[in-house]
Amino acid sequence: MTTNWSWLGPRLAALRDAKGWSRRDLADALGCDPTSIGHWETGAHKPTPANLVELRRVLAPGVLEPPTRRVNGSSRLVPLLDPVERMVEAAVMAAGAAAMCHFRPVPVLDGTFGRRNNPTLLADVEATEALLKSIVPDLEALTRPQGWRFAVYGEELRRGKDAKVDAMVDASLAKLPSHGGIVRSDAEFASKLGLVGCQANPMLGVCFDAVDGSGNLELGLGGLFVSAAAIFDGTELLAGAVYDPHGGVLYSAVSHPGGDGHPPVRRARMRHVRAGVVTDLDPSGVFGRRVLGVHISRTAKPERAAITAKLDELLSADLPARGDHANAEVLFPGGLQALNCGQAALAFVASRRFGAFVSPITSTWDIAAGEALIRAAGGKVTDFDGLPIHYGAGPEKVSVIAAWDHDVHDRLVELLANTRHRA
C-alpha cells in the first residue's frame, strides 16, 4: 500500500506545461535529474519531502493541493447544513446504541471489559444495519427533491473481506426498505465521489465505521469504541460525527465555503448527550497550558520503532504553540498513547485532549469523520509528506498526521516524512 497521492503526477505535468517548460527545464529549476520528473509525473516514484518543498517554491504554493471536487450548485447545500449535521449525528448514535447491546459498558466483577456472549462480528454487522436504516431514508428525503445523488460506503460493506461477513451483510441489507446508493467497494465509492466534476448537481458521499475500536474490548483494554460517519460534497468533507456510546459524548462538525450569497460555514462541537451540555470547539479559544499527548496507531507494527523514536524526540522538551492570542499556549510533553480506536483519538485531537494523531497506514473510513472534526475546529490534517488526504483518488491506504496546533503538525511532518508505510 502507498500514500494516497495519484492526483499529484497529472497536476505536476499540467503546471509544467502551463509554464511552457520541458521536464529538463523543471529539473534545472529544482536542481534534480530530468528522469526524476518523468517518474513523478507517471507515478513510478514519489518526490522526497525536500523535492516537495522545492516544487511548492518553483511551481506554486498550491501545487500540492488536490483538485477540488465541489461542483457548481453545491452552495445550495448551505441552507441544508443543519439537517445534514442532525442526519449524521442520528446515524452514529443509532449505530452506537446497537453496538452497546453486545459489549459490557462497565467493568464486571473480574475487572474486565468484553463481549456479552456475541462475537464482535455480529456487533459490527448489526451496528452497520442500524446506521444504514437511519441515514439512507434521510439521504433519500434530502436528495430526491433536489435531483441530487448519493453513495454510502463503510468497512463492513466491503466485499471480499470474509465470506461469512459478506453473507451476514447481505442478509442485513435485505432487511432495508431501500438499497439506493449503497456501494460495496473502495474503488466504486472513490469513483462516484470523483465523478462529480461532470455532474450538474452535488454528489453526497457517506463514509462510515459503525464500530471503531471494538478490539479494545476484545483485548481487555477498556470500554472505548465509537461509531463514526462523514459526509462528502463530492470529494470535499462536508460534515462528520463521532459518537462514544460508553461516555455518552457526541462530536459533530460541518464546514462549507459558502457561495451564491451564502457566508462560509464552519463549526465543530462536543455534546454530552446524557447531561445535555454542548461545547463549541472554538479554534480561537484560549486553552492555556496544555499537555501534548500523541496517539500512534497500534497497527503500525513495521514502523513503530522508528516512529516512536522520532516522537520521543518531539516529546523530550516543552513546545511553544504560537498563536494570535495574548496568552500564548504552552504544550507540555504528555507521552504516547495507543487507543486502537483512531476515530476516538481524532475526536480527542479536535477537542484538544490529545495534541496529535499519527498513523502511517490506515483506511479512509477510519479517519474521515475525525478529519472533518479537526479541520472544522481549526486544526490541520495531512499525510506524512504534508499532502492533503484526497478521498477521491482511489482505494489506497493513507498515512495521517493530525494536530490542533499547526506548528506541531508541521514539526511532526518534518520528523516523520521518511517513516511512512511502504509495503
Protein backbone atom coordinates (compact mmCIF):
# COMPACT_ATOMS: atom_id res chain seq x y z
CA MET A 1 0.00 0.00 0.00
CA THR A 2 1.12 3.59 -0.66
CA THR A 3 0.13 7.04 0.43
CA ASN A 4 -2.89 8.32 -1.50
CA TRP A 5 -1.38 10.80 -3.99
CA SER A 6 -2.32 9.60 -7.50
CA TRP A 7 -3.54 13.09 -8.45
CA LEU A 8 -0.07 14.62 -7.99
CA GLY A 9 1.61 13.42 -11.22
CA PRO A 10 -1.03 14.88 -13.58
CA ARG A 11 -1.03 18.10 -11.52
CA LEU A 12 2.74 18.50 -11.91
CA ALA A 13 2.57 17.85 -15.65
CA ALA A 14 -0.24 20.39 -16.12
CA LEU A 15 1.56 23.12 -14.17
CA ARG A 16 4.80 22.45 -16.02
CA ASP A 17 3.02 22.63 -19.39
CA ALA A 18 1.28 25.86 -18.35
CA LYS A 19 4.72 27.44 -17.86
CA GLY A 20 5.88 26.12 -21.23
CA TRP A 21 8.63 24.12 -19.55
CA SER A 22 10.07 20.78 -20.59
CA ARG A 23 10.87 18.19 -17.98
CA ARG A 24 14.51 19.29 -18.23
CA ASP A 25 13.51 22.91 -17.57
CA LEU A 26 11.70 21.90 -14.39
CA ALA A 27 14.57 19.63 -13.35
CA ASP A 28 17.04 22.50 -13.81
CA ALA A 29 14.85 24.78 -11.65
CA LEU A 30 14.70 22.11 -8.95
CA GLY A 31 18.32 21.01 -9.23
CA CYS A 32 17.47 17.37 -9.94
CA ASP A 33 17.72 14.84 -12.78
CA PRO A 34 15.11 15.11 -15.61
CA THR A 35 14.32 11.40 -15.27
CA SER A 36 13.02 12.14 -11.77
CA ILE A 37 10.40 14.48 -13.23
CA GLY A 38 9.20 11.72 -15.53
CA HIS A 39 8.99 9.26 -12.64
CA TRP A 40 6.92 11.71 -10.57
CA GLU A 41 4.53 12.53 -13.39
CA THR A 42 3.93 8.89 -14.32
CA GLY A 43 3.63 7.77 -10.69
CA ALA A 44 6.64 5.47 -10.83
CA HIS A 45 8.22 7.26 -7.86
CA LYS A 46 7.16 9.91 -5.36
CA PRO A 47 9.06 13.13 -4.69
CA THR A 48 11.01 13.25 -1.45
CA PRO A 49 9.92 15.73 1.23
CA ALA A 50 12.78 18.04 0.11
CA ASN A 51 11.53 17.77 -3.50
CA LEU A 52 8.01 18.67 -2.38
CA VAL A 53 9.30 21.82 -0.68
CA GLU A 54 11.10 22.85 -3.87
CA LEU A 55 8.06 22.09 -6.04
CA ARG A 56 5.99 24.45 -3.88
CA ARG A 57 8.66 27.14 -4.34
CA VAL A 58 9.17 26.70 -8.09
CA LEU A 59 5.68 25.96 -9.41
CA ALA A 60 3.11 27.39 -7.00
CA PRO A 61 2.29 27.31 -3.26
CA GLY A 62 -0.87 25.32 -4.05
CA VAL A 63 0.81 22.72 -6.24
CA LEU A 64 0.28 20.03 -3.60
CA GLU A 65 -3.41 20.74 -3.07
CA PRO A 66 -5.58 18.01 -4.66
CA PRO A 67 -8.11 19.15 -7.27
CA THR A 68 -11.32 20.46 -5.74
CA ARG A 69 -14.34 18.28 -6.47
CA ARG A 70 -17.05 20.53 -5.11
CA VAL A 71 -19.30 21.32 -8.08
CA ASN A 72 -21.41 24.24 -9.23
CA GLY A 73 -24.65 24.18 -7.32
CA SER A 74 -23.08 22.92 -4.10
CA SER A 75 -23.81 26.27 -2.48
CA ARG A 76 -27.44 25.11 -2.42
CA LEU A 77 -26.36 22.79 0.38
CA VAL A 78 -25.64 25.69 2.74
CA PRO A 79 -29.27 26.15 3.91
CA LEU A 80 -29.41 22.37 4.50
CA LEU A 81 -26.32 22.10 6.71
CA ASP A 82 -28.33 21.86 9.93
CA PRO A 83 -30.37 18.84 8.77
CA VAL A 84 -27.19 17.31 7.30
CA GLU A 85 -25.50 17.60 10.68
CA ARG A 86 -28.52 16.17 12.52
CA MET A 87 -28.68 13.35 9.99
CA VAL A 88 -25.08 12.22 10.55
CA GLU A 89 -25.44 12.64 14.32
CA ALA A 90 -28.55 10.44 14.38
CA ALA A 91 -26.81 7.79 12.26
CA VAL A 92 -23.79 7.38 14.54
CA MET A 93 -25.97 7.38 17.66
CA ALA A 94 -28.12 4.60 16.16
CA ALA A 95 -25.01 2.57 15.38
CA GLY A 96 -23.52 3.15 18.81
CA ALA A 97 -26.73 2.11 20.57
CA ALA A 98 -26.86 -1.11 18.52
CA ALA A 99 -23.24 -1.93 19.32
CA MET A 100 -23.76 -1.36 23.04
CA CYS A 101 -26.12 -4.35 23.08
CA HIS A 102 -23.07 -6.57 22.54
CA PHE A 103 -20.43 -5.04 24.79
CA ARG A 104 -20.11 -4.61 28.53
CA PRO A 105 -20.16 -0.85 29.11
CA VAL A 106 -18.58 -1.10 32.60
CA PRO A 107 -16.12 -3.45 34.29
CA VAL A 108 -17.64 -6.66 35.60
CA LEU A 109 -16.59 -8.35 38.85
CA ASP A 110 -13.35 -9.70 37.42
CA GLY A 111 -12.35 -6.18 36.37
CA THR A 112 -12.55 -6.79 32.63
CA PHE A 113 -14.49 -5.38 29.75
CA GLY A 114 -15.60 -7.52 26.86
CA ARG A 115 -18.35 -9.15 24.86
CA ARG A 116 -21.80 -10.15 26.00
CA ASN A 117 -21.88 -13.66 24.57
CA ASN A 118 -21.70 -12.41 20.98
CA PRO A 119 -18.81 -12.18 18.54
CA THR A 120 -17.53 -8.74 17.61
CA LEU A 121 -18.57 -9.50 14.03
CA LEU A 122 -22.24 -9.57 15.00
CA ALA A 123 -21.93 -6.19 16.71
CA ASP A 124 -20.26 -4.74 13.62
CA VAL A 125 -22.95 -6.00 11.27
CA GLU A 126 -25.90 -5.00 13.45
CA ALA A 127 -24.42 -1.56 14.08
CA THR A 128 -23.91 -1.16 10.33
CA GLU A 129 -27.52 -2.12 9.71
CA ALA A 130 -28.72 0.38 12.33
CA LEU A 131 -26.63 3.16 10.78
CA LEU A 132 -27.94 2.43 7.29
CA LYS A 133 -31.55 2.26 8.47
CA SER A 134 -31.06 5.69 10.00
CA ILE A 135 -29.18 7.53 7.27
CA VAL A 136 -30.37 6.11 3.93
CA PRO A 137 -34.01 7.29 4.28
CA ASP A 138 -32.76 10.71 5.40
CA LEU A 139 -30.42 10.90 2.41
CA GLU A 140 -33.23 9.96 0.06
CA ALA A 141 -35.53 12.59 1.56
CA LEU A 142 -32.78 15.22 1.32
CA THR A 143 -31.52 14.49 -2.19
CA ARG A 144 -34.59 13.34 -4.15
CA PRO A 145 -36.38 16.74 -4.25
CA GLN A 146 -33.12 18.41 -5.34
CA GLY A 147 -32.30 15.89 -8.05
CA TRP A 148 -29.03 15.07 -6.31
CA ARG A 149 -27.38 11.67 -5.91
CA PHE A 150 -25.64 9.93 -3.03
CA ALA A 151 -23.34 6.99 -2.28
CA VAL A 152 -22.90 5.21 1.06
CA TYR A 153 -19.91 3.03 1.98
CA GLY A 154 -18.39 1.60 5.16
CA GLU A 155 -15.93 -1.01 6.35
CA GLU A 156 -18.43 -3.85 6.76
CA LEU A 157 -19.88 -3.18 3.28
CA ARG A 158 -16.56 -4.02 1.62
CA ARG A 159 -16.93 -7.28 -0.32
CA GLY A 160 -14.28 -9.97 -0.15
CA LYS A 161 -13.21 -9.28 3.42
CA ASP A 162 -14.58 -12.65 4.56
CA ALA A 163 -17.25 -14.97 3.13
CA LYS A 164 -19.06 -15.11 6.47
CA VAL A 165 -19.04 -11.33 6.73
CA ASP A 166 -20.35 -10.98 3.17
CA ALA A 167 -23.22 -13.38 3.90
CA MET A 168 -24.16 -11.58 7.13
CA VAL A 169 -24.03 -8.16 5.46
CA ASP A 170 -26.11 -9.39 2.51
CA ALA A 171 -28.75 -10.70 4.94
CA SER A 172 -28.64 -7.42 6.85
CA LEU A 173 -29.04 -5.31 3.71
CA ALA A 174 -32.03 -7.42 2.66
CA LYS A 175 -33.88 -6.01 5.67
CA LEU A 176 -33.52 -2.42 4.48
CA PRO A 177 -36.50 -0.84 2.73
CA SER A 178 -34.14 0.64 0.13
CA HIS A 179 -30.64 -0.19 -1.16
CA GLY A 180 -30.38 3.08 -3.05
CA GLY A 181 -26.86 4.49 -3.14
CA ILE A 182 -25.17 1.69 -1.14
CA VAL A 183 -21.82 0.66 -2.67
CA ARG A 184 -19.65 -2.35 -1.83
CA SER A 185 -16.04 -1.45 -2.72
CA ASP A 186 -13.42 1.24 -2.07
CA ALA A 187 -12.87 1.82 -5.78
CA GLU A 188 -16.57 2.23 -6.55
CA PHE A 189 -17.03 4.73 -3.73
CA ALA A 190 -13.98 6.79 -4.74
CA SER A 191 -15.12 6.70 -8.37
CA LYS A 192 -18.58 8.02 -7.51
CA LEU A 193 -17.09 10.85 -5.45
CA GLY A 194 -14.58 11.72 -8.16
CA LEU A 195 -17.13 11.87 -10.99
CA VAL A 196 -18.90 14.94 -9.65
CA GLY A 197 -16.98 17.24 -11.97
CA CYS A 198 -19.22 16.20 -14.87
CA GLN A 199 -22.47 16.44 -12.91
CA ALA A 200 -24.78 19.43 -12.69
CA ASN A 201 -25.73 18.67 -9.08
CA PRO A 202 -23.86 17.62 -5.94
CA MET A 203 -23.00 14.04 -5.15
CA LEU A 204 -23.25 13.38 -1.41
CA GLY A 205 -20.98 10.60 -0.20
CA VAL A 206 -21.19 8.92 3.22
CA CYS A 207 -18.20 7.01 4.58
CA PHE A 208 -18.60 5.29 7.96
CA ASP A 209 -17.23 2.87 10.51
CA ALA A 210 -20.12 1.68 12.65
CA VAL A 211 -17.87 0.17 15.36
CA ASP A 212 -14.32 1.51 15.56
CA GLY A 213 -12.20 0.25 18.45
CA SER A 214 -14.03 -2.92 19.48
CA GLY A 215 -10.63 -4.63 19.57
CA ASN A 216 -10.00 -2.74 22.81
CA LEU A 217 -12.76 -4.74 24.47
CA GLU A 218 -11.52 -7.99 22.96
CA LEU A 219 -8.08 -7.30 24.45
CA GLY A 220 -9.49 -6.28 27.82
CA LEU A 221 -8.17 -2.73 27.41
CA GLY A 222 -11.33 -0.91 28.49
CA GLY A 223 -14.64 0.20 27.15
CA LEU A 224 -13.58 2.55 24.37
CA PHE A 225 -15.18 2.26 20.96
CA VAL A 226 -17.02 4.78 18.82
CA SER A 227 -19.31 4.98 15.83
CA ALA A 228 -18.25 7.45 13.15
CA ALA A 229 -19.52 8.77 9.82
CA ALA A 230 -18.54 11.54 7.42
CA ILE A 231 -20.50 13.18 4.61
CA PHE A 232 -18.78 14.48 1.47
CA ASP A 233 -19.87 17.04 -1.10
CA GLY A 234 -18.08 15.36 -3.96
CA THR A 235 -14.61 14.64 -2.56
CA GLU A 236 -14.74 17.58 -0.14
CA LEU A 237 -15.58 16.88 3.51
CA LEU A 238 -18.88 18.49 4.42
CA ALA A 239 -19.81 17.06 7.83
CA GLY A 240 -18.76 14.43 10.32
CA ALA A 241 -19.82 12.90 13.62
CA VAL A 242 -18.17 10.59 16.17
CA TYR A 243 -20.22 9.07 18.99
CA ASP A 244 -18.82 7.47 22.14
CA PRO A 245 -21.75 5.43 23.49
CA HIS A 246 -19.92 4.48 26.70
CA GLY A 247 -19.19 8.06 27.66
CA GLY A 248 -22.34 9.50 26.11
CA VAL A 249 -20.30 12.06 24.15
CA LEU A 250 -21.18 13.11 20.61
CA TYR A 251 -18.80 15.13 18.46
CA SER A 252 -20.04 16.74 15.23
CA ALA A 253 -18.85 19.26 12.66
CA VAL A 254 -19.94 20.91 9.42
CA SER A 255 -18.00 23.14 7.04
CA HIS A 256 -18.70 24.78 3.69
CA PRO A 257 -17.02 27.65 1.80
CA GLY A 258 -20.40 29.28 1.11
CA GLY A 259 -21.04 30.98 -2.22
CA ASP A 260 -24.02 32.42 -4.12
CA GLY A 261 -24.64 34.93 -1.37
CA HIS A 262 -24.17 32.45 1.47
CA PRO A 263 -21.41 33.14 4.02
CA PRO A 264 -18.85 30.41 4.79
CA VAL A 265 -19.86 27.95 7.50
CA ARG A 266 -17.50 26.19 9.89
CA ARG A 267 -18.40 24.80 13.28
CA ALA A 268 -17.39 21.90 15.49
CA ARG A 269 -18.86 20.96 18.84
CA MET A 270 -18.92 18.35 21.56
CA ARG A 271 -22.24 17.31 23.13
CA HIS A 272 -22.53 15.43 26.40
CA VAL A 273 -25.67 13.54 25.50
CA ARG A 274 -26.68 12.47 29.00
CA ALA A 275 -26.07 15.88 30.56
CA GLY A 276 -27.33 17.99 27.67
CA VAL A 277 -24.19 20.16 27.69
CA VAL A 278 -22.85 21.41 24.33
CA THR A 279 -19.36 22.88 23.94
CA ASP A 280 -18.24 24.62 20.77
CA LEU A 281 -14.75 23.55 19.72
CA ASP A 282 -13.71 27.13 19.01
CA PRO A 283 -10.38 27.42 17.16
CA SER A 284 -9.89 30.96 18.52
CA GLY A 285 -10.39 29.95 22.15
CA VAL A 286 -7.58 30.22 24.68
CA PHE A 287 -6.81 26.83 26.19
CA GLY A 288 -3.81 27.90 28.29
CA ARG A 289 -1.22 25.30 29.29
CA ARG A 290 -1.93 22.01 27.56
CA VAL A 291 -0.37 18.57 27.59
CA LEU A 292 0.81 17.22 24.23
CA GLY A 293 -0.22 13.59 24.05
CA VAL A 294 0.38 11.84 20.73
CA HIS A 295 -1.73 8.91 19.58
CA ILE A 296 0.16 6.38 17.46
CA SER A 297 -1.71 3.61 15.69
CA ARG A 298 -1.39 0.20 17.35
CA THR A 299 -1.42 -1.47 13.92
CA ALA A 300 1.69 0.31 12.63
CA LYS A 301 3.96 -2.60 13.51
CA PRO A 302 6.67 -2.27 10.82
CA GLU A 303 7.23 1.41 11.60
CA ARG A 304 6.53 1.58 15.32
CA ALA A 305 10.16 1.58 16.49
CA ALA A 306 11.22 4.33 14.08
CA ILE A 307 8.13 6.43 14.70
CA THR A 308 8.33 6.03 18.47
CA ALA A 309 11.95 7.18 18.44
CA LYS A 310 11.03 10.27 16.43
CA LEU A 311 8.09 11.07 18.72
CA ASP A 312 10.27 10.64 21.79
CA GLU A 313 12.49 13.32 20.27
CA LEU A 314 9.49 15.62 19.86
CA LEU A 315 8.22 14.96 23.36
CA SER A 316 11.59 15.43 25.03
CA ALA A 317 11.10 19.17 25.51
CA ASP A 318 8.28 21.66 26.02
CA LEU A 319 6.90 23.06 22.76
CA PRO A 320 5.58 26.59 22.50
CA ALA A 321 2.39 26.70 20.45
CA ARG A 322 2.38 30.01 18.63
CA GLY A 323 -0.92 31.82 18.33
CA ASP A 324 -2.51 35.22 17.85
CA HIS A 325 -4.00 35.49 21.33
CA ALA A 326 -2.31 37.30 24.17
CA ASN A 327 -1.99 34.25 26.41
CA ALA A 328 0.41 32.10 24.41
CA GLU A 329 -0.35 28.42 24.76
CA VAL A 330 2.40 26.13 26.01
CA LEU A 331 2.44 22.42 25.31
CA PHE A 332 3.98 20.02 27.80
CA PRO A 333 5.03 16.51 26.81
CA GLY A 334 2.33 14.01 27.72
CA GLY A 335 3.77 10.82 26.28
CA LEU A 336 2.40 8.39 23.72
CA GLN A 337 -0.97 6.64 23.72
CA ALA A 338 -2.35 3.86 21.57
CA LEU A 339 -6.12 3.53 21.88
CA ASN A 340 -6.72 1.11 19.00
CA CYS A 341 -9.58 3.47 18.14
CA GLY A 342 -8.47 6.02 15.57
CA GLN A 343 -11.72 7.95 15.26
CA ALA A 344 -11.85 8.46 19.04
CA ALA A 345 -8.24 9.69 19.03
CA LEU A 346 -9.02 12.14 16.22
CA ALA A 347 -12.03 13.43 18.14
CA PHE A 348 -9.75 13.89 21.16
CA VAL A 349 -7.39 15.96 18.97
CA ALA A 350 -10.30 18.14 17.81
CA SER A 351 -11.27 18.77 21.44
CA ARG A 352 -7.59 19.25 22.42
CA ARG A 353 -7.47 16.31 24.80
CA PHE A 354 -4.68 14.98 22.57
CA GLY A 355 -2.11 17.12 20.85
CA ALA A 356 -1.72 14.96 17.76
CA PHE A 357 -2.64 11.74 15.95
CA VAL A 358 -0.12 9.71 13.95
CA SER A 359 -0.76 6.66 11.76
CA PRO A 360 1.50 5.52 8.89
CA ILE A 361 -1.23 3.40 7.30
CA THR A 362 -4.99 3.46 7.72
CA SER A 363 -8.27 3.36 5.80
CA THR A 364 -10.38 6.33 4.82
CA TRP A 365 -13.38 5.17 6.88
CA ASP A 366 -11.12 5.25 9.94
CA ILE A 367 -10.24 8.94 9.56
CA ALA A 368 -12.84 10.83 7.50
CA ALA A 369 -15.16 11.83 10.38
CA GLY A 370 -12.21 12.71 12.60
CA GLU A 371 -10.64 14.85 9.89
CA ALA A 372 -13.92 16.72 9.46
CA LEU A 373 -13.92 17.49 13.19
CA ILE A 374 -10.29 18.62 13.32
CA ARG A 375 -10.48 20.81 10.24
CA ALA A 376 -13.68 22.49 11.41
CA ALA A 377 -12.09 23.07 14.83
CA GLY A 378 -9.14 24.86 13.22
CA GLY A 379 -6.60 22.02 13.22
CA LYS A 380 -4.57 20.52 10.39
CA VAL A 381 -4.64 17.06 8.81
CA THR A 382 -2.31 15.72 6.07
CA ASP A 383 -0.38 12.60 5.17
CA PHE A 384 3.22 12.04 6.29
CA ASP A 385 4.51 14.21 3.43
CA GLY A 386 2.27 17.15 4.27
CA LEU A 387 -0.11 16.38 1.40
CA PRO A 388 -3.89 16.69 1.89
CA ILE A 389 -5.89 13.48 2.19
CA HIS A 390 -7.64 13.01 -1.16
CA TYR A 391 -10.69 10.79 -0.76
CA GLY A 392 -11.48 10.51 -4.46
CA ALA A 393 -8.07 9.26 -5.58
CA GLY A 394 -8.75 5.54 -5.19
CA PRO A 395 -8.71 2.71 -2.67
CA GLU A 396 -5.14 3.09 -1.44
CA LYS A 397 -4.36 3.19 2.26
CA VAL A 398 -3.25 6.56 3.58
CA SER A 399 -0.84 7.88 6.20
CA VAL A 400 -2.12 10.55 8.59
CA ILE A 401 -0.69 13.29 10.77
CA ALA A 402 -3.28 15.42 12.58
CA ALA A 403 -2.84 18.13 15.19
CA TRP A 404 -4.86 21.04 16.52
CA ASP A 405 -1.72 23.22 16.56
CA HIS A 406 -0.34 23.89 13.08
CA ASP A 407 3.25 24.30 14.26
CA VAL A 408 3.17 20.93 16.00
CA HIS A 409 1.68 19.37 12.86
CA ASP A 410 4.42 20.79 10.67
CA ARG A 411 7.09 19.59 13.10
CA LEU A 412 5.61 16.08 13.00
CA VAL A 413 5.67 16.11 9.19
CA GLU A 414 9.33 17.13 9.31
CA LEU A 415 10.16 14.32 11.74
CA LEU A 416 8.11 11.52 10.19
CA ALA A 417 8.33 12.07 6.44
CA ASN A 418 10.73 9.16 5.95
CA THR A 419 8.88 6.64 8.14
CA ARG A 420 5.66 6.22 6.16
CA HIS A 421 4.41 2.74 5.31
CA ARG A 422 5.89 1.45 2.03
CA ALA A 423 4.95 -2.26 1.99
